[in-house]
Protein backbone atom coordinates (compact mmCIF):
# COMPACT_ATOMS: atom_id res chain seq x y z
CA MET A 1 111.54 162.00 175.06
CA ALA A 2 109.40 160.21 171.98
CA LEU A 3 110.39 157.52 169.89
CA MET A 4 112.34 157.85 167.55
CA ILE A 5 112.09 156.22 164.02
CA SER A 6 114.18 156.30 161.42
CA VAL A 7 115.13 154.83 158.39
CA SER A 8 117.18 152.17 159.79
CA GLY A 9 115.01 151.21 162.91
CA ILE A 10 113.49 152.92 166.32
CA ARG A 11 114.95 153.61 169.09
CA GLY A 12 113.58 154.68 172.93
CA ILE A 13 113.64 153.82 176.73
CA PHE A 14 112.30 150.76 176.89
CA GLY A 15 109.11 150.63 178.97
CA SER A 16 107.97 154.28 177.79
CA HIS A 17 108.25 154.28 174.20
CA LEU A 18 109.92 151.72 172.97
CA THR A 19 107.22 148.63 173.78
CA PRO A 20 106.68 145.06 173.20
CA GLN A 21 104.28 146.67 170.42
CA ASN A 22 106.00 148.58 168.70
CA LEU A 23 108.91 146.31 168.51
CA VAL A 24 106.36 143.28 167.14
CA GLN A 25 105.15 146.44 164.77
CA PHE A 26 108.30 147.01 163.24
CA THR A 27 109.47 143.77 163.30
CA ALA A 28 106.86 142.01 161.27
CA ALA A 29 106.91 145.04 158.99
CA TYR A 30 110.19 144.34 158.45
CA GLY A 31 110.15 140.65 158.22
CA THR A 32 107.19 141.42 155.78
CA TRP A 33 109.59 143.86 153.17
CA LEU A 34 112.11 140.97 153.44
CA LYS A 35 109.11 138.44 152.07
CA GLY A 36 110.60 135.64 154.55
CA GLY A 37 114.19 133.88 154.37
CA THR A 38 117.05 134.07 157.38
CA VAL A 39 117.25 137.13 159.54
CA VAL A 40 120.39 137.05 161.97
CA VAL A 41 119.45 138.29 165.78
CA GLY A 42 121.77 139.50 167.87
CA ARG A 43 121.86 141.97 171.12
CA ASP A 44 124.01 143.65 173.66
CA SER A 45 123.97 142.97 176.90
CA ARG A 46 121.42 145.47 178.17
CA VAL A 47 118.94 144.19 180.66
CA THR A 48 115.93 144.78 178.58
CA GLY A 49 118.10 142.66 175.49
CA GLN A 50 116.88 139.12 176.64
CA ILE A 51 113.12 140.16 176.08
CA CYS A 52 113.55 142.41 173.09
CA GLU A 53 115.19 139.24 171.23
CA ASP A 54 112.09 136.92 172.28
CA ILE A 55 109.84 139.35 171.22
CA VAL A 56 111.75 140.27 168.06
CA CYS A 57 112.60 136.00 167.37
CA ALA A 58 108.89 135.19 167.96
CA THR A 59 107.62 138.25 165.59
CA LEU A 60 109.66 137.31 163.04
CA GLN A 61 108.58 133.57 163.21
CA SER A 62 104.99 134.51 162.38
CA VAL A 63 105.67 136.46 159.21
CA GLY A 64 107.62 133.25 158.19
CA CYS A 65 111.50 134.19 158.82
CA ASP A 66 113.86 131.70 160.14
CA VAL A 67 115.95 133.18 162.82
CA ILE A 68 119.10 132.37 163.55
CA LYS A 69 120.15 133.94 167.02
CA THR A 70 123.61 134.99 167.83
CA GLY A 71 122.84 136.08 171.71
CA ILE A 72 125.15 139.01 172.65
CA ALA A 73 127.38 139.85 169.98
CA PRO A 74 129.02 143.34 169.03
CA THR A 75 127.10 144.57 166.35
CA PRO A 76 129.96 144.34 163.58
CA THR A 77 129.79 140.18 164.59
CA VAL A 78 125.80 140.04 163.64
CA ALA A 79 126.70 141.78 160.53
CA MET A 80 129.39 139.50 159.95
CA GLY A 81 127.09 136.47 160.68
CA VAL A 82 124.58 138.10 158.16
CA LEU A 83 127.43 137.09 155.46
CA LYS A 84 128.30 133.88 157.06
CA HIS A 85 125.42 132.45 156.54
CA ARG A 86 124.29 134.27 153.34
CA ALA A 87 121.02 135.55 155.16
CA ASP A 88 118.76 137.93 153.76
CA GLY A 89 118.96 140.53 156.74
CA GLY A 90 119.55 140.65 160.22
CA ILE A 91 117.81 142.71 163.32
CA ILE A 92 120.63 143.94 166.30
CA LEU A 93 119.28 145.31 169.32
CA THR A 94 121.27 147.78 170.55
CA ALA A 95 121.09 151.72 171.79
CA SER A 96 124.75 151.77 171.15
CA HIS A 97 125.83 154.73 172.97
CA ASN A 98 122.47 155.73 174.58
CA PRO A 99 122.21 155.24 178.56
CA ALA A 100 120.99 151.49 180.53
CA GLN A 101 117.48 152.00 180.04
CA TRP A 102 117.22 152.78 176.48
CA ASN A 103 117.03 149.98 173.70
CA ALA A 104 116.56 149.75 169.83
CA LEU A 105 115.62 148.01 166.60
CA LYS A 106 118.69 148.45 164.00
CA MET A 107 117.73 146.43 160.56
CA LEU A 108 120.64 145.19 158.07
CA ASN A 109 119.49 144.00 154.55
CA GLY A 110 121.34 141.15 152.33
CA LYS A 111 124.65 142.90 152.13
CA SER A 112 124.77 143.23 155.43
CA GLU A 113 124.30 146.81 155.45
CA PHE A 114 122.02 148.98 157.57
CA LEU A 115 119.19 149.75 155.65
CA ASP A 116 119.55 153.04 153.45
CA ALA A 117 116.60 155.88 152.70
CA GLU A 118 114.69 154.23 150.38
CA GLN A 119 114.45 150.39 151.92
CA GLY A 120 113.85 151.94 155.41
CA ALA A 121 110.99 153.70 154.03
CA GLU A 122 109.45 150.45 152.63
CA VAL A 123 110.17 149.27 155.94
CA LEU A 124 107.74 152.26 157.78
CA LYS A 125 104.95 152.13 155.02
CA ILE A 126 104.32 148.50 156.01
CA ALA A 127 104.46 149.39 159.51
CA ASP A 128 102.54 152.67 159.09
CA GLY A 129 99.86 151.02 156.74
CA GLY A 130 99.45 147.67 159.02
CA ASN A 131 100.07 145.80 155.90
CA ILE A 132 101.59 142.87 157.71
CA GLU A 133 101.36 139.12 156.42
CA TYR A 134 101.45 136.31 158.73
CA VAL A 135 101.18 133.16 158.14
CA MET A 136 99.64 130.43 158.70
CA TYR A 137 101.06 127.76 160.99
CA ASP A 138 102.34 125.45 159.16
CA GLU A 139 104.96 128.05 157.36
CA ILE A 140 105.88 129.81 161.08
CA GLY A 141 109.87 129.94 160.84
CA SER A 142 112.30 128.48 162.79
CA VAL A 143 114.97 128.99 165.29
CA THR A 144 118.99 127.96 165.50
CA GLU A 145 121.76 128.92 166.87
CA ASP A 146 125.19 129.92 166.00
CA PRO A 147 127.31 129.76 169.32
CA ASP A 148 130.32 130.07 167.08
CA VAL A 149 130.18 133.41 165.38
CA VAL A 150 132.18 135.32 167.22
CA SER A 151 135.34 133.06 166.45
CA SER A 152 134.40 133.55 162.85
CA HIS A 153 134.26 137.06 163.02
CA ILE A 154 138.09 136.90 164.54
CA ASP A 155 138.75 133.95 161.68
CA ALA A 156 137.85 136.73 159.64
CA VAL A 157 139.98 139.84 160.74
CA LEU A 158 142.97 137.72 161.54
CA ASP A 159 142.78 135.85 157.74
CA LEU A 160 143.25 139.18 156.60
CA PRO A 161 146.10 139.64 154.50
CA TYR A 162 147.57 142.78 156.19
CA ILE A 163 147.07 140.94 159.22
CA ASP A 164 150.57 139.49 160.96
CA SER A 165 149.30 137.31 164.06
CA GLU A 166 152.92 136.07 164.10
CA LEU A 167 154.32 139.36 164.03
CA ILE A 168 152.24 140.97 166.33
CA ARG A 169 152.30 137.95 168.94
CA SER A 170 156.28 138.57 168.57
CA LYS A 171 155.66 142.14 170.02
CA LYS A 172 153.78 140.76 173.24
CA PHE A 173 151.84 144.04 174.06
CA SER A 174 149.73 144.52 177.44
CA VAL A 175 146.44 145.77 176.21
CA THR A 176 143.81 147.22 179.06
CA VAL A 177 140.18 146.73 177.44
CA ASP A 178 137.03 148.65 178.72
CA ALA A 179 134.43 147.46 177.40
CA VAL A 180 131.66 149.12 179.59
CA ASN A 181 130.36 145.85 180.26
CA GLY A 182 129.12 145.81 176.45
CA ALA A 183 128.94 143.37 173.72
CA ALA A 184 132.29 143.33 173.39
CA SER A 185 133.33 142.08 176.70
CA HIS A 186 134.24 138.96 175.67
CA ALA A 187 134.72 139.18 172.06
CA LEU A 188 138.24 141.98 172.11
CA PRO A 189 139.85 139.87 174.73
CA GLN A 190 139.04 136.74 172.83
CA LEU A 191 140.90 138.74 169.90
CA LEU A 192 143.62 139.85 172.04
CA ASP A 193 144.46 136.59 173.02
CA ARG A 194 144.73 135.04 169.59
CA LEU A 195 146.77 137.79 169.04
CA GLY A 196 149.08 137.04 171.97
CA VAL A 197 148.15 139.88 174.04
CA GLU A 198 148.11 140.10 177.50
CA VAL A 199 144.24 142.14 178.66
CA TYR A 200 143.63 144.04 181.45
CA PRO A 201 140.11 143.62 181.87
CA LEU A 202 138.51 146.60 182.80
CA HIS A 203 134.67 146.46 182.82
CA CYS A 204 134.39 143.48 180.72
CA GLU A 205 131.11 141.36 182.02
CA PRO A 206 128.40 141.70 179.67
CA ASN A 207 125.94 142.44 182.10
CA GLY A 208 124.25 145.70 180.69
CA ILE A 209 125.03 147.51 183.88
CA PHE A 210 127.25 150.43 182.14
CA PRO A 211 129.86 151.58 185.03
CA HIS A 212 129.73 155.32 183.36
CA ASN A 213 128.16 156.65 180.40
CA PRO A 214 128.94 154.18 177.94
CA GLU A 215 129.99 156.86 175.16
CA PRO A 216 133.48 156.50 174.99
CA LEU A 217 134.34 160.40 174.90
CA PRO A 218 137.05 161.68 177.15
CA GLU A 219 135.22 163.25 179.89
CA ASN A 220 133.92 159.25 180.65
CA LEU A 221 137.39 157.74 180.63
CA GLY A 222 139.27 158.52 183.42
CA GLU A 223 139.30 154.97 184.62
CA ILE A 224 141.21 153.70 182.03
CA CYS A 225 143.73 156.39 181.65
CA GLU A 226 144.67 156.03 185.30
CA LEU A 227 144.60 152.19 185.27
CA ILE A 228 147.21 152.13 182.50
CA LYS A 229 149.52 154.37 183.96
CA LEU A 230 149.83 152.03 187.10
CA ASN A 231 150.04 148.78 184.86
CA GLY A 232 152.03 149.51 182.42
CA SER A 233 150.29 148.67 179.53
CA ASP A 234 151.07 149.43 175.70
CA LEU A 235 147.44 150.08 174.81
CA GLY A 236 143.97 150.97 176.12
CA LEU A 237 141.16 150.01 174.01
CA VAL A 238 137.25 151.27 174.56
CA THR A 239 134.10 150.01 172.58
CA ASP A 240 130.63 151.70 173.27
CA PRO A 241 128.22 148.82 174.20
CA ASP A 242 127.79 147.54 171.21
CA GLY A 243 131.19 147.23 169.76
CA ASP A 244 131.58 149.37 166.69
CA ARG A 245 133.24 152.32 167.79
CA LEU A 246 136.92 152.11 169.11
CA ALA A 247 138.73 155.15 171.22
CA LEU A 248 142.28 153.93 171.90
CA VAL A 249 145.07 155.08 174.55
CA ASP A 250 148.30 155.27 174.93
CA GLU A 251 150.91 153.91 176.81
CA LYS A 252 150.91 157.17 179.03
CA GLY A 253 147.03 156.90 179.83
CA GLU A 254 146.36 160.21 177.11
CA LEU A 255 143.71 159.78 174.96
CA PHE A 256 144.20 159.54 171.06
CA GLY A 257 141.23 161.21 170.50
CA GLU A 258 138.39 159.29 168.62
CA GLU A 259 138.77 161.29 165.65
CA TYR A 260 142.22 159.39 165.22
CA THR A 261 141.08 155.98 165.56
CA GLN A 262 140.18 156.02 161.52
CA VAL A 263 142.81 158.08 160.99
CA ALA A 264 145.40 155.18 161.76
CA ALA A 265 143.09 152.28 160.43
CA PHE A 266 143.22 154.57 156.70
CA ASP A 267 147.37 154.82 157.41
CA LEU A 268 147.89 151.08 157.63
CA MET A 269 145.33 150.18 155.05
CA LEU A 270 146.86 153.03 152.90
CA SER A 271 150.26 151.57 152.72
CA LYS A 272 149.25 147.73 151.94
CA LYS A 273 146.46 148.67 149.31
CA PRO A 274 146.58 152.42 148.12
CA GLY A 275 143.01 153.83 147.18
CA ASP A 276 140.99 156.24 147.83
CA THR A 277 139.12 156.72 151.08
CA ALA A 278 135.60 157.61 152.24
CA THR A 279 134.63 159.83 155.84
CA ASN A 280 131.49 161.86 156.59
CA LEU A 281 131.61 165.68 156.37
CA SER A 282 132.07 166.06 160.38
CA SER A 283 135.00 164.37 160.24
CA SER A 284 138.49 165.80 161.30
CA ARG A 285 140.75 166.96 158.38
CA ALA A 286 143.46 164.53 159.52
CA ALA A 287 141.26 162.48 156.89
CA ASP A 288 142.12 163.99 154.18
CA ASP A 289 145.83 164.62 155.19
CA ILE A 290 146.83 161.27 155.75
CA THR A 291 144.93 160.18 152.46
CA ALA A 292 146.90 162.59 150.77
CA LYS A 293 150.39 161.67 151.82
CA TYR A 294 149.32 158.41 149.72
CA GLY A 295 148.26 160.77 147.22
CA LYS A 296 144.49 159.76 147.18
CA LYS A 297 141.40 161.58 147.78
CA CYS A 298 139.07 161.33 150.73
CA HIS A 299 135.87 161.50 149.90
CA ARG A 300 133.07 162.91 152.32
CA ALA A 301 129.43 161.25 153.00
CA ALA A 302 126.23 163.02 154.81
CA VAL A 303 127.04 162.02 158.62
CA GLY A 304 125.58 158.31 159.06
CA GLU A 305 126.49 154.93 158.67
CA ILE A 306 124.99 154.10 155.59
CA ASN A 307 125.38 157.55 154.24
CA VAL A 308 129.46 156.69 154.28
CA VAL A 309 128.91 153.22 153.18
CA ASN A 310 127.19 153.98 150.24
CA VAL A 311 130.10 157.32 149.22
CA MET A 312 132.79 154.28 149.77
CA LYS A 313 131.23 152.02 147.56
CA ASP A 314 130.16 154.76 145.18
CA LYS A 315 133.73 155.64 144.53
CA GLY A 316 135.18 152.57 145.14
CA ALA A 317 137.74 153.52 148.57
CA VAL A 318 139.21 151.15 149.92
CA ILE A 319 138.45 152.00 153.29
CA SER A 320 136.29 154.25 155.29
CA GLY A 321 134.87 155.28 158.71
CA GLU A 322 133.77 158.22 161.05
CA GLY A 323 135.28 160.46 163.24
CA ASN A 324 133.22 158.50 166.11
CA GLY A 325 135.78 155.92 166.35
CA GLY A 326 134.42 154.15 163.86
CA VAL A 327 136.64 151.98 161.17
CA ILE A 328 134.81 150.86 158.11
CA ASN A 329 136.71 147.75 156.57
CA PRO A 330 135.18 146.68 152.95
CA ASP A 331 137.11 143.69 153.03
CA LEU A 332 135.58 142.92 155.79
CA HIS A 333 131.81 143.87 155.73
CA PRO A 334 130.57 147.11 155.26
CA GLY A 335 130.37 148.07 158.60
CA ARG A 336 132.01 149.96 161.59
CA ASP A 337 133.88 147.31 163.06
CA ALA A 338 136.14 147.85 166.52
CA LEU A 339 137.53 144.27 166.33
CA VAL A 340 139.18 145.05 163.00
CA GLY A 341 139.80 148.47 164.56
CA THR A 342 142.00 146.53 167.07
CA ALA A 343 143.55 144.43 164.71
CA MET A 344 144.62 147.52 162.26
CA ILE A 345 146.41 149.15 165.07
CA LEU A 346 148.13 146.36 166.13
CA GLN A 347 149.63 145.24 163.29
CA LEU A 348 150.43 149.15 162.71
CA LEU A 349 151.91 149.48 165.66
CA SER A 350 154.02 146.14 165.14
CA GLU A 351 155.52 146.74 161.94
CA ARG A 352 156.61 150.13 162.67
CA ASP A 353 158.14 149.55 165.58
CA ILE A 354 156.73 152.32 167.70
CA LYS A 355 154.83 153.15 170.65
CA ALA A 356 151.30 154.66 170.85
CA SER A 357 152.09 157.63 171.86
CA ASP A 358 155.11 158.50 169.48
CA TYR A 359 152.43 157.45 166.61
CA ARG A 360 150.06 159.78 167.80
CA ALA A 361 152.42 162.46 167.69
CA SER A 362 153.50 161.77 164.48
CA LEU A 363 149.75 162.78 162.99
CA PRO A 364 148.49 165.50 161.90
CA TYR A 365 147.30 167.86 164.94
CA TYR A 366 143.96 169.35 164.86
CA GLU A 367 141.33 170.34 167.62
CA MET A 368 136.92 170.48 167.18
CA SER A 369 134.51 172.67 168.62
CA LYS A 370 131.17 171.32 169.26
CA GLN A 371 128.62 174.49 169.53
CA LYS A 372 124.29 174.03 169.23
CA ILE A 373 122.43 177.31 168.16
CA GLU A 374 118.98 176.99 169.89
CA LEU A 375 116.68 178.43 167.37
CA ALA A 376 113.55 179.56 169.27
CA ASN A 377 116.37 182.26 170.27
CA LEU A 378 116.30 182.85 166.64
CA GLY A 379 112.85 183.31 165.44
CA VAL A 380 113.67 180.98 162.58
CA ASP A 381 113.84 177.58 161.34
CA ALA A 382 116.62 175.10 160.88
CA ASP A 383 116.28 175.20 156.88
CA GLU A 384 115.88 178.89 156.66
CA LEU A 385 119.33 179.31 158.71
CA LEU A 386 121.33 177.12 156.61
CA ASP A 387 120.13 178.79 153.86
CA LYS A 388 121.27 181.94 155.35
CA VAL A 389 124.40 180.17 156.09
CA ALA A 390 125.48 179.01 152.57
CA SER A 391 124.38 182.72 150.88
CA GLU A 392 126.91 184.62 153.47
CA PHE A 393 129.29 182.30 152.29
CA GLU A 394 128.57 181.49 148.84
CA SER A 395 131.80 182.81 147.24
CA GLN A 396 133.61 179.58 149.73
CA LYS A 397 131.40 177.17 147.38
CA PRO A 398 129.69 175.61 150.97
CA ASN A 399 129.18 171.85 150.68
CA ARG A 400 125.47 171.04 151.13
CA THR A 401 125.57 167.59 151.15
CA ASP A 402 123.94 167.77 154.92
CA GLY A 403 123.57 170.96 156.27
CA VAL A 404 126.16 173.57 155.34
CA LYS A 405 130.10 173.10 155.55
CA ILE A 406 132.42 175.93 154.55
CA ASP A 407 136.40 175.16 154.36
CA PHE A 408 138.27 177.40 155.54
CA ASP A 409 142.29 177.55 154.45
CA ASN A 410 142.90 177.65 158.50
CA GLY A 411 139.61 174.89 158.84
CA TRP A 412 136.64 174.42 159.15
CA VAL A 413 132.96 174.91 160.01
CA HIS A 414 129.46 172.30 159.45
CA PHE A 415 126.19 173.33 160.39
CA ARG A 416 123.26 170.53 161.29
CA LYS A 417 119.99 170.59 161.67
CA SER A 418 119.09 168.13 164.68
CA ASN A 419 116.46 165.53 163.81
CA THR A 420 115.14 165.23 167.41
CA GLU A 421 115.86 169.06 168.76
CA PRO A 422 115.14 172.55 167.87
CA ILE A 423 118.64 173.54 167.48
CA VAL A 424 121.66 173.27 164.64
CA ARG A 425 124.28 171.85 165.60
CA VAL A 426 127.97 173.44 164.65
CA TYR A 427 130.80 171.50 164.66
CA SER A 428 134.63 173.24 163.30
CA GLU A 429 138.03 172.31 163.54
CA ALA A 430 141.23 174.15 163.48
CA ALA A 431 144.43 173.56 164.96
CA THR A 432 143.33 174.77 168.38
CA ALA A 433 140.51 174.51 170.32
CA GLU A 434 140.24 178.05 170.58
CA GLU A 435 140.96 178.90 167.65
CA ALA A 436 137.86 176.29 166.26
CA ARG A 437 135.82 178.35 168.68
CA LYS A 438 136.80 181.35 167.43
CA LEU A 439 136.32 180.06 163.43
CA ALA A 440 133.02 179.08 164.27
CA ASP A 441 132.09 182.05 166.57
CA GLU A 442 132.86 184.25 163.60
CA VAL A 443 130.77 182.76 161.32
CA MET A 444 127.48 182.27 163.66
CA GLN A 445 128.07 186.30 164.33
CA MET A 446 127.88 186.66 160.69
CA ILE A 447 124.80 185.72 159.80
CA LYS A 448 123.41 186.53 163.25
CA GLY A 449 124.02 189.73 161.86
């Protein structure tokens, strides 16, 4: 697997494709693009985090940037640090849900957003052209630390007008937390403690040694489900290594499904602050249903956090997210945030006085199927295949924002080409997993013709 370079950063296996040299190259390009200023730097708990942090901070100094270090902190906490310090940008060292041998450089702008396509292209152009502007010895940047960045983030969450800390505290919840020994290992229990919640920590030592595959998918979460059955928790919370995605487990040890984290957050927000919502094209139709319950519209964006944020801003949506467990609350900052997602879920359960399982049962129910088409077997490239899909289903008015998405009365099918493999990903959704797969199979058979 080669180094993965995108507009928002670089990702790779440390010591193989992600090296000190390319960390310097892209960090220096980013600092040059900023033309100095202040940059907040944070990281998740990976074993390689410290060395990457040292390299990145020194490089930023060398191009005239002042650095504010957060140390190990969730990605949304670093994003909040950019706003707190009115910084010019931020860098987060995290490979998100990738295994422990990976790390990555993710870049934020002064609005605390991941770089969009245009901004990222400018940084990549500087990196490719070698047009780095290093400074002289008397202009190098400073380094300071913010040890209070997590508590500041928690303060901001609890200050939201629709989070009633006293109400939540009165419910005396018990919650099991699996932070996969990642960046939210201390931050999430600290938030829960502030809300009077009894915490059962599972894998909450931020040592970067992931006890299971760190992506919060059902096949990786058997341990927390069993623990909840034993300890009688009211809720289970699971984050990925950088603490921006949130998966939920009910009091019976049953998974909510990642798609339903944002649905629950939408439900709470729209009950307090009516408005439109936004999510990506591959997220569940349940997001549309819950938004329609309040007489509003759910707008769809291309897959990718910054794409959802841009649609959210453009349409004036009051909340957005992604079906991978990402809650984006613009009242706080324009990015996925497991801490604010947690507070919103607890608020919803508290004020409706409902168990997690009963609430989940009240929501629209869908199942997804995720498949792929190997392009080598068809003798066509991805764009040709996507054009054929769109042509075959022209009468359905397919959405071409990101690949091809076809909406049917009983579900939908979304075709997207991979940026890293010669495949096309095929996501589909219907009332049952069998129907979802059948829907996708019928479309694929038609285009293979």
